[in-house]
């Protein structure tokens, strides 16, 4: 990725260390399937090898049911090695738990309360 941070309007992508890409969903945004496609298209274009994804979200930010289903599929996320979802708000904990249990993402996915814990876990999946 030539630029470290990419603003997609309702969210941002930022390259971090250890092959981690942070997806931050802006407050009060509800991502739709087209948004998810755009996010993963940008990740696939900007990064030549597999990456890990750390998801953070502003207050009242979420994905529509259709976007959650798409985000968990193998087809769209084949280049992502693992997801760490940081759940700082109770509402994010509930929706993220639902995502993991109901949508059963294709790749390893785990919830964390802090960014530091998420980064530590993602290190074990970093591309070599």
C-alpha atoms as a PDB file:
ATOM      1  CA  UNK A   1       0.000   0.000   0.000  1.00  0.00           C
ATOM      2  CA  UNK A   2       1.628   3.210  -1.075  1.00  0.00           C
ATOM      3  CA  UNK A   3      -0.389   5.354   1.312  1.00  0.00           C
ATOM      4  CA  UNK A   4      -0.671   4.216   4.906  1.00  0.00           C
ATOM      5  CA  UNK A   5      -4.310   5.305   5.371  1.00  0.00           C
ATOM      6  CA  UNK A   6      -7.178   5.216   2.894  1.00  0.00           C
ATOM      7  CA  UNK A   7     -10.471   7.047   3.534  1.00  0.00           C
ATOM      8  CA  UNK A   8     -13.453   5.273   1.948  1.00  0.00           C
ATOM      9  CA  UNK A   9     -16.060   7.706   3.293  1.00  0.00           C
ATOM     10  CA  UNK A  10     -17.935   5.554   5.792  1.00  0.00           C
ATOM     11  CA  UNK A  11     -14.767   3.790   6.938  1.00  0.00           C
ATOM     12  CA  UNK A  12     -10.975   3.912   6.746  1.00  0.00           C
ATOM     13  CA  UNK A  13      -8.287   1.339   6.019  1.00  0.00           C
ATOM     14  CA  UNK A  14      -4.884   1.775   7.602  1.00  0.00           C
ATOM     15  CA  UNK A  15      -1.733  -0.322   7.224  1.00  0.00           C
ATOM     16  CA  UNK A  16      -0.267  -1.192  10.610  1.00  0.00           C
ATOM     17  CA  UNK A  17       2.713  -3.323  11.594  1.00  0.00           C
ATOM     18  CA  UNK A  18       2.901  -7.146  11.282  1.00  0.00           C
ATOM     19  CA  UNK A  19       0.836  -7.257   8.094  1.00  0.00           C
ATOM     20  CA  UNK A  20      -2.199  -5.883   9.946  1.00  0.00           C
ATOM     21  CA  UNK A  21      -4.792  -3.767   8.167  1.00  0.00           C
ATOM     22  CA  UNK A  22      -7.135  -1.831  10.443  1.00  0.00           C
ATOM     23  CA  UNK A  23     -10.672  -1.334   9.200  1.00  0.00           C
ATOM     24  CA  UNK A  24     -12.328   1.421  11.220  1.00  0.00           C
ATOM     25  CA  UNK A  25     -16.048   1.877  10.619  1.00  0.00           C
ATOM     26  CA  UNK A  26     -17.019   5.480  11.275  1.00  0.00           C
ATOM     27  CA  UNK A  27     -19.694   6.270  13.903  1.00  0.00           C
ATOM     28  CA  UNK A  28     -23.342   5.742  12.977  1.00  0.00           C
ATOM     29  CA  UNK A  29     -22.521   3.956   9.711  1.00  0.00           C
ATOM     30  CA  UNK A  30     -24.334   0.822   8.561  1.00  0.00           C
ATOM     31  CA  UNK A  31     -22.186  -0.919   5.980  1.00  0.00           C
ATOM     32  CA  UNK A  32     -23.989  -2.619   3.101  1.00  0.00           C
ATOM     33  CA  UNK A  33     -22.744  -5.426   0.801  1.00  0.00           C
ATOM     34  CA  UNK A  34     -21.425  -2.899  -1.748  1.00  0.00           C
ATOM     35  CA  UNK A  35     -19.367  -1.272   1.021  1.00  0.00           C
ATOM     36  CA  UNK A  36     -17.920  -4.644   2.030  1.00  0.00           C
ATOM     37  CA  UNK A  37     -17.019  -5.420  -1.592  1.00  0.00           C
ATOM     38  CA  UNK A  38     -15.290  -2.047  -1.910  1.00  0.00           C
ATOM     39  CA  UNK A  39     -13.345  -2.575   1.333  1.00  0.00           C
ATOM     40  CA  UNK A  40     -12.041  -5.990   0.316  1.00  0.00           C
ATOM     41  CA  UNK A  41     -11.366  -4.872  -3.265  1.00  0.00           C
ATOM     42  CA  UNK A  42      -9.155  -2.096  -1.868  1.00  0.00           C
ATOM     43  CA  UNK A  43      -7.353  -4.489   0.474  1.00  0.00           C
ATOM     44  CA  UNK A  44      -6.742  -6.941  -2.389  1.00  0.00           C
ATOM     45  CA  UNK A  45      -5.504  -4.165  -4.703  1.00  0.00           C
ATOM     46  CA  UNK A  46      -3.216  -2.499  -2.189  1.00  0.00           C
ATOM     47  CA  UNK A  47      -1.605  -5.565  -0.606  1.00  0.00           C
ATOM     48  CA  UNK A  48       0.275  -8.199  -2.642  1.00  0.00           C
ATOM     49  CA  UNK A  49       0.120 -10.993  -0.054  1.00  0.00           C
ATOM     50  CA  UNK A  50      -2.160 -12.194   2.706  1.00  0.00           C
ATOM     51  CA  UNK A  51      -2.952  -9.832   5.549  1.00  0.00           C
ATOM     52  CA  UNK A  52      -4.727  -9.894   8.858  1.00  0.00           C
ATOM     53  CA  UNK A  53      -7.641  -7.581   9.595  1.00  0.00           C
ATOM     54  CA  UNK A  54      -8.344  -5.691  12.811  1.00  0.00           C
ATOM     55  CA  UNK A  55     -11.851  -4.244  12.869  1.00  0.00           C
ATOM     56  CA  UNK A  56     -12.728  -1.264  15.054  1.00  0.00           C
ATOM     57  CA  UNK A  57     -15.927   0.747  14.957  1.00  0.00           C
ATOM     58  CA  UNK A  58     -17.309   4.041  16.140  1.00  0.00           C
ATOM     59  CA  UNK A  59     -20.449   4.301  18.253  1.00  0.00           C
ATOM     60  CA  UNK A  60     -23.576   2.887  16.574  1.00  0.00           C
ATOM     61  CA  UNK A  61     -21.591   1.547  13.606  1.00  0.00           C
ATOM     62  CA  UNK A  62     -22.513  -1.881  12.247  1.00  0.00           C
ATOM     63  CA  UNK A  63     -22.967  -4.064   9.171  1.00  0.00           C
ATOM     64  CA  UNK A  64     -26.306  -4.963   7.635  1.00  0.00           C
ATOM     65  CA  UNK A  65     -27.227  -8.682   7.827  1.00  0.00           C
ATOM     66  CA  UNK A  66     -26.379  -9.076   4.126  1.00  0.00           C
ATOM     67  CA  UNK A  67     -23.030  -7.324   4.612  1.00  0.00           C
ATOM     68  CA  UNK A  68     -22.200  -9.607   7.565  1.00  0.00           C
ATOM     69  CA  UNK A  69     -22.946 -12.666   5.463  1.00  0.00           C
ATOM     70  CA  UNK A  70     -20.746 -11.398   2.642  1.00  0.00           C
ATOM     71  CA  UNK A  71     -17.939 -10.397   5.033  1.00  0.00           C
ATOM     72  CA  UNK A  72     -17.807 -13.931   6.436  1.00  0.00           C
ATOM     73  CA  UNK A  73     -17.647 -15.694   3.063  1.00  0.00           C
ATOM     74  CA  UNK A  74     -14.574 -17.333   1.555  1.00  0.00           C
ATOM     75  CA  UNK A  75     -15.135 -15.754  -1.865  1.00  0.00           C
ATOM     76  CA  UNK A  76     -14.598 -12.151  -0.881  1.00  0.00           C
ATOM     77  CA  UNK A  77     -12.014 -12.569   1.870  1.00  0.00           C
ATOM     78  CA  UNK A  78      -9.686 -15.255   0.539  1.00  0.00           C
ATOM     79  CA  UNK A  79      -6.638 -13.025   1.049  1.00  0.00           C
ATOM     80  CA  UNK A  80      -7.370 -12.264   4.713  1.00  0.00           C
ATOM     81  CA  UNK A  81      -5.659 -14.692   7.090  1.00  0.00           C
ATOM     82  CA  UNK A  82      -7.523 -13.789  10.318  1.00  0.00           C
ATOM     83  CA  UNK A  83      -9.861 -11.176  11.820  1.00  0.00           C
ATOM     84  CA  UNK A  84      -9.608  -9.533  15.226  1.00  0.00           C
ATOM     85  CA  UNK A  85     -12.700  -7.552  16.169  1.00  0.00           C
ATOM     86  CA  UNK A  86     -12.225  -4.938  18.893  1.00  0.00           C
ATOM     87  CA  UNK A  87     -15.467  -4.500  20.826  1.00  0.00           C
ATOM     88  CA  UNK A  88     -15.201  -1.396  22.981  1.00  0.00           C
ATOM     89  CA  UNK A  89     -18.978  -0.842  23.174  1.00  0.00           C
ATOM     90  CA  UNK A  90     -21.527  -3.304  24.544  1.00  0.00           C
ATOM     91  CA  UNK A  91     -23.590  -3.081  21.357  1.00  0.00           C
ATOM     92  CA  UNK A  92     -20.495  -4.055  19.352  1.00  0.00           C
ATOM     93  CA  UNK A  93     -19.921  -7.047  21.631  1.00  0.00           C
ATOM     94  CA  UNK A  94     -23.448  -8.281  20.987  1.00  0.00           C
ATOM     95  CA  UNK A  95     -23.388  -7.823  17.209  1.00  0.00           C
ATOM     96  CA  UNK A  96     -19.839  -9.202  16.917  1.00  0.00           C
ATOM     97  CA  UNK A  97     -20.735 -12.285  18.960  1.00  0.00           C
ATOM     98  CA  UNK A  98     -23.712 -12.803  16.680  1.00  0.00           C
ATOM     99  CA  UNK A  99     -21.456 -12.410  13.607  1.00  0.00           C
ATOM    100  CA  UNK A 100     -18.994 -15.036  14.850  1.00  0.00           C
ATOM    101  CA  UNK A 101     -21.617 -17.536  16.030  1.00  0.00           C
ATOM    102  CA  UNK A 102     -24.240 -17.134  13.305  1.00  0.00           C
ATOM    103  CA  UNK A 103     -22.227 -16.203  10.213  1.00  0.00           C
ATOM    104  CA  UNK A 104     -19.282 -18.435  11.172  1.00  0.00           C
ATOM    105  CA  UNK A 105     -16.569 -16.604   9.229  1.00  0.00           C
ATOM    106  CA  UNK A 106     -14.433 -18.677   6.887  1.00  0.00           C
ATOM    107  CA  UNK A 107     -11.192 -17.479   8.492  1.00  0.00           C
ATOM    108  CA  UNK A 108     -10.133 -17.431  12.172  1.00  0.00           C
ATOM    109  CA  UNK A 109     -12.028 -14.636  13.932  1.00  0.00           C
ATOM    110  CA  UNK A 110     -11.807 -13.580  17.554  1.00  0.00           C
ATOM    111  CA  UNK A 111     -13.211 -10.749  19.694  1.00  0.00           C
ATOM    112  CA  UNK A 112     -11.064  -8.520  21.897  1.00  0.00           C
ATOM    113  CA  UNK A 113     -11.699  -5.689  24.337  1.00  0.00           C
ATOM    114  CA  UNK A 114      -8.500  -3.802  23.506  1.00  0.00           C
ATOM    115  CA  UNK A 115      -6.504  -2.990  20.397  1.00  0.00           C
ATOM    116  CA  UNK A 116      -3.322  -4.258  22.081  1.00  0.00           C
ATOM    117  CA  UNK A 117      -4.833  -7.710  22.702  1.00  0.00           C
ATOM    118  CA  UNK A 118      -6.072  -7.851  19.115  1.00  0.00           C
ATOM    119  CA  UNK A 119      -2.658  -6.927  17.694  1.00  0.00           C
ATOM    120  CA  UNK A 120      -0.907  -9.517  19.861  1.00  0.00           C
ATOM    121  CA  UNK A 121      -3.226 -12.272  18.603  1.00  0.00           C
ATOM    122  CA  UNK A 122      -2.893 -11.188  14.962  1.00  0.00           C
ATOM    123  CA  UNK A 123       0.911 -11.398  15.160  1.00  0.00           C
ATOM    124  CA  UNK A 124       0.623 -15.190  15.103  1.00  0.00           C
ATOM    125  CA  UNK A 125      -1.105 -14.995  11.694  1.00  0.00           C
ATOM    126  CA  UNK A 126       1.190 -12.419  10.077  1.00  0.00           C
ATOM    127  CA  UNK A 127       2.421 -13.421   6.622  1.00  0.00           C
ATOM    128  CA  UNK A 128       6.046 -14.423   6.540  1.00  0.00           C
END
